[in-house]
Amino acid sequence: MFKKQYFADDLRAGVVVFLVALPLCLGVALASNAPLFSGLIAGISGGIIVTLFSKSRHGVSGPAAGLAVMVAAGIETLGLEAYLFAVIICGVVQVGAGFLKAGVARVGDPQRSCRSFGRLPICLLHV
């Protein structure tokens, strides 16, 4: 979590992540017919904000090129406003789950935490 002693280093790292991810964020926004400003906001939240509040010393956050197809389909189906609202709700749920420590993965043998549901393997999270 956030520690005051590492703030300057974390902020510099977050800005670097933001600058590296910015072209891809803008590309995903452009490819999915979203406003470019939304790509800028995604880069800021994924690069700077996540880096500042992450517990991980080696965190990876940012866009993936395959995301453009899913974003474009979501915007086409729901419309931009409804899609952004759905994304915000998902983010609130993820942050809430983080504060409740509902997503702590089990450390140890990964085979013991994975079960099969039909043909789809499901990895269970142990709190």
C-alpha atoms as a PDB file:
ATOM      1  CA  MET A   1       0.000   0.000   0.000  1.00  0.00           C
ATOM      2  CA  PHE A   2       0.982   3.639  -0.091  1.00  0.00           C
ATOM      3  CA  LYS A   3       4.083   4.467   1.967  1.00  0.00           C
ATOM      4  CA  LYS A   4       5.215   8.046   2.323  1.00  0.00           C
ATOM      5  CA  GLN A   5       8.915   7.143   2.246  1.00  0.00           C
ATOM      6  CA  TYR A   6       8.598   5.667  -1.273  1.00  0.00           C
ATOM      7  CA  PHE A   7       6.268   8.327  -2.703  1.00  0.00           C
ATOM      8  CA  ALA A   8       8.863  10.140  -4.861  1.00  0.00           C
ATOM      9  CA  ASP A   9      10.221   6.890  -6.318  1.00  0.00           C
ATOM     10  CA  ASP A  10       6.730   5.501  -6.914  1.00  0.00           C
ATOM     11  CA  LEU A  11       5.616   8.725  -8.576  1.00  0.00           C
ATOM     12  CA  ARG A  12       8.603   8.705 -10.939  1.00  0.00           C
ATOM     13  CA  ALA A  13       7.963   5.045 -11.776  1.00  0.00           C
ATOM     14  CA  GLY A  14       4.277   5.763 -12.380  1.00  0.00           C
ATOM     15  CA  VAL A  15       5.059   8.633 -14.733  1.00  0.00           C
ATOM     16  CA  VAL A  16       7.443   6.406 -16.696  1.00  0.00           C
ATOM     17  CA  VAL A  17       4.797   3.669 -16.961  1.00  0.00           C
ATOM     18  CA  PHE A  18       2.267   6.284 -18.073  1.00  0.00           C
ATOM     19  CA  LEU A  19       4.589   7.666 -20.767  1.00  0.00           C
ATOM     20  CA  VAL A  20       5.453   4.197 -22.061  1.00  0.00           C
ATOM     21  CA  ALA A  21       1.797   3.103 -22.157  1.00  0.00           C
ATOM     22  CA  LEU A  22       0.392   6.378 -23.531  1.00  0.00           C
ATOM     23  CA  PRO A  23       0.755   5.551 -27.267  1.00  0.00           C
ATOM     24  CA  LEU A  24      -0.978   2.207 -26.781  1.00  0.00           C
ATOM     25  CA  CYS A  25      -3.717   3.798 -24.654  1.00  0.00           C
ATOM     26  CA  LEU A  26      -4.378   6.350 -27.386  1.00  0.00           C
ATOM     27  CA  GLY A  27      -4.244   3.604 -30.019  1.00  0.00           C
ATOM     28  CA  VAL A  28      -6.818   1.491 -28.171  1.00  0.00           C
ATOM     29  CA  ALA A  29      -9.085   4.523 -27.838  1.00  0.00           C
ATOM     30  CA  LEU A  30      -8.705   5.372 -31.528  1.00  0.00           C
ATOM     31  CA  ALA A  31      -9.235   1.775 -32.690  1.00  0.00           C
ATOM     32  CA  SER A  32     -12.376   1.415 -30.569  1.00  0.00           C
ATOM     33  CA  ASN A  33     -13.904   4.714 -31.731  1.00  0.00           C
ATOM     34  CA  ALA A  34     -13.701   6.190 -28.238  1.00  0.00           C
ATOM     35  CA  PRO A  35     -12.576   9.759 -27.608  1.00  0.00           C
ATOM     36  CA  LEU A  36      -8.796  10.066 -27.378  1.00  0.00           C
ATOM     37  CA  PHE A  37      -9.240  11.775 -24.018  1.00  0.00           C
ATOM     38  CA  SER A  38     -10.510   8.463 -22.610  1.00  0.00           C
ATOM     39  CA  GLY A  39      -7.224   6.855 -23.661  1.00  0.00           C
ATOM     40  CA  LEU A  40      -5.370   9.596 -21.799  1.00  0.00           C
ATOM     41  CA  ILE A  41      -7.454   9.006 -18.663  1.00  0.00           C
ATOM     42  CA  ALA A  42      -6.842   5.248 -18.940  1.00  0.00           C
ATOM     43  CA  GLY A  43      -3.097   5.857 -19.162  1.00  0.00           C
ATOM     44  CA  ILE A  44      -3.114   8.105 -16.108  1.00  0.00           C
ATOM     45  CA  SER A  45      -5.144   5.679 -14.011  1.00  0.00           C
ATOM     46  CA  GLY A  46      -3.239   2.600 -15.152  1.00  0.00           C
ATOM     47  CA  GLY A  47       0.181   4.178 -14.977  1.00  0.00           C
ATOM     48  CA  ILE A  48       0.291   6.694 -12.186  1.00  0.00           C
ATOM     49  CA  ILE A  49      -2.586   5.873  -9.836  1.00  0.00           C
ATOM     50  CA  VAL A  50      -2.117   2.088  -9.849  1.00  0.00           C
ATOM     51  CA  THR A  51       1.635   2.454  -9.330  1.00  0.00           C
ATOM     52  CA  LEU A  52       1.172   4.735  -6.328  1.00  0.00           C
ATOM     53  CA  PHE A  53      -1.305   2.477  -4.525  1.00  0.00           C
ATOM     54  CA  SER A  54      -0.052  -0.973  -5.501  1.00  0.00           C
ATOM     55  CA  LYS A  55       1.582  -3.235  -2.906  1.00  0.00           C
ATOM     56  CA  SER A  56       3.676  -4.964  -5.533  1.00  0.00           C
ATOM     57  CA  ARG A  57       7.292  -3.962  -5.980  1.00  0.00           C
ATOM     58  CA  HIS A  58       7.188  -5.178  -9.588  1.00  0.00           C
ATOM     59  CA  GLY A  59       3.682  -4.315 -10.761  1.00  0.00           C
ATOM     60  CA  VAL A  60       2.592  -4.424 -14.364  1.00  0.00           C
ATOM     61  CA  SER A  61      -0.373  -2.348 -15.412  1.00  0.00           C
ATOM     62  CA  GLY A  62      -1.498  -0.829 -18.640  1.00  0.00           C
ATOM     63  CA  PRO A  63      -3.366  -1.570 -21.831  1.00  0.00           C
ATOM     64  CA  ALA A  64      -3.276  -4.636 -24.030  1.00  0.00           C
ATOM     65  CA  ALA A  65      -3.726  -4.354 -27.797  1.00  0.00           C
ATOM     66  CA  GLY A  66      -6.447  -7.037 -27.778  1.00  0.00           C
ATOM     67  CA  LEU A  67      -8.481  -4.753 -25.578  1.00  0.00           C
ATOM     68  CA  ALA A  68      -9.420  -2.591 -28.581  1.00  0.00           C
ATOM     69  CA  VAL A  69     -11.763  -5.228 -29.978  1.00  0.00           C
ATOM     70  CA  MET A  70     -13.576  -5.698 -26.663  1.00  0.00           C
ATOM     71  CA  VAL A  71     -13.853  -1.959 -26.059  1.00  0.00           C
ATOM     72  CA  ALA A  72     -15.170  -1.351 -29.578  1.00  0.00           C
ATOM     73  CA  ALA A  73     -17.787  -4.099 -29.175  1.00  0.00           C
ATOM     74  CA  GLY A  74     -18.826  -2.757 -25.779  1.00  0.00           C
ATOM     75  CA  ILE A  75     -19.168   0.804 -27.052  1.00  0.00           C
ATOM     76  CA  GLU A  76     -21.080  -0.351 -30.138  1.00  0.00           C
ATOM     77  CA  THR A  77     -23.468  -2.457 -28.040  1.00  0.00           C
ATOM     78  CA  LEU A  78     -24.033  -0.169 -25.055  1.00  0.00           C
ATOM     79  CA  GLY A  79     -23.071   3.268 -26.291  1.00  0.00           C
ATOM     80  CA  LEU A  80     -20.165   5.276 -24.897  1.00  0.00           C
ATOM     81  CA  GLU A  81     -21.877   6.646 -21.779  1.00  0.00           C
ATOM     82  CA  ALA A  82     -23.296   3.299 -20.642  1.00  0.00           C
ATOM     83  CA  TYR A  83     -20.008   1.546 -21.386  1.00  0.00           C
ATOM     84  CA  LEU A  84     -18.020   4.061 -19.333  1.00  0.00           C
ATOM     85  CA  PHE A  85     -20.526   3.704 -16.502  1.00  0.00           C
ATOM     86  CA  ALA A  86     -20.085  -0.093 -16.593  1.00  0.00           C
ATOM     87  CA  VAL A  87     -16.287   0.305 -16.507  1.00  0.00           C
ATOM     88  CA  ILE A  88     -16.523   2.654 -13.512  1.00  0.00           C
ATOM     89  CA  ILE A  89     -18.790   0.207 -11.650  1.00  0.00           C
ATOM     90  CA  CYS A  90     -16.318  -2.625 -12.353  1.00  0.00           C
ATOM     91  CA  GLY A  91     -13.480  -0.476 -11.039  1.00  0.00           C
ATOM     92  CA  VAL A  92     -15.395   0.351  -7.861  1.00  0.00           C
ATOM     93  CA  VAL A  93     -16.096  -3.355  -7.298  1.00  0.00           C
ATOM     94  CA  GLN A  94     -12.399  -4.196  -7.815  1.00  0.00           C
ATOM     95  CA  VAL A  95     -11.238  -1.482  -5.416  1.00  0.00           C
ATOM     96  CA  GLY A  96     -13.829  -2.613  -2.860  1.00  0.00           C
ATOM     97  CA  ALA A  97     -12.691  -6.212  -3.185  1.00  0.00           C
ATOM     98  CA  GLY A  98      -9.120  -5.048  -2.680  1.00  0.00           C
ATOM     99  CA  PHE A  99      -9.962  -3.202   0.526  1.00  0.00           C
ATOM    100  CA  LEU A 100     -11.866  -6.253   1.765  1.00  0.00           C
ATOM    101  CA  LYS A 101      -8.867  -8.427   0.849  1.00  0.00           C
ATOM    102  CA  ALA A 102     -11.182 -10.594  -1.238  1.00  0.00           C
ATOM    103  CA  GLY A 103      -8.619 -11.228  -3.965  1.00  0.00           C
ATOM    104  CA  VAL A 104      -5.642 -12.609  -2.092  1.00  0.00           C
ATOM    105  CA  ALA A 105      -4.291 -15.493  -4.137  1.00  0.00           C
ATOM    106  CA  ARG A 106      -3.116 -18.607  -2.369  1.00  0.00           C
ATOM    107  CA  VAL A 107       0.649 -19.016  -2.245  1.00  0.00           C
ATOM    108  CA  GLY A 108       1.880 -22.530  -2.780  1.00  0.00           C
ATOM    109  CA  ASP A 109       0.952 -25.336  -5.106  1.00  0.00           C
ATOM    110  CA  PRO A 110      -1.173 -23.890  -7.937  1.00  0.00           C
ATOM    111  CA  GLN A 111      -2.651 -27.307  -8.702  1.00  0.00           C
ATOM    112  CA  ARG A 112      -4.394 -27.379  -5.323  1.00  0.00           C
ATOM    113  CA  SER A 113      -6.199 -24.087  -5.962  1.00  0.00           C
ATOM    114  CA  CYS A 114      -7.383 -24.903  -9.498  1.00  0.00           C
ATOM    115  CA  ARG A 115     -10.496 -26.946 -10.158  1.00  0.00           C
ATOM    116  CA  SER A 116     -12.202 -27.934 -13.375  1.00  0.00           C
ATOM    117  CA  PHE A 117     -15.641 -26.636 -14.295  1.00  0.00           C
ATOM    118  CA  GLY A 118     -16.574 -28.644 -17.357  1.00  0.00           C
ATOM    119  CA  ARG A 119     -13.691 -28.068 -19.731  1.00  0.00           C
ATOM    120  CA  LEU A 120     -12.830 -24.657 -18.286  1.00  0.00           C
ATOM    121  CA  PRO A 121     -10.213 -24.671 -15.505  1.00  0.00           C
ATOM    122  CA  ILE A 122     -11.150 -22.297 -12.693  1.00  0.00           C
ATOM    123  CA  CYS A 123      -8.519 -21.036 -10.247  1.00  0.00           C
ATOM    124  CA  LEU A 124     -10.072 -20.388  -6.884  1.00  0.00           C
ATOM    125  CA  LEU A 125      -8.950 -17.500  -4.718  1.00  0.00           C
ATOM    126  CA  HIS A 126      -8.282 -18.334  -1.097  1.00  0.00           C
ATOM    127  CA  VAL A 127      -8.762 -15.518   1.390  1.00  0.00           C
END
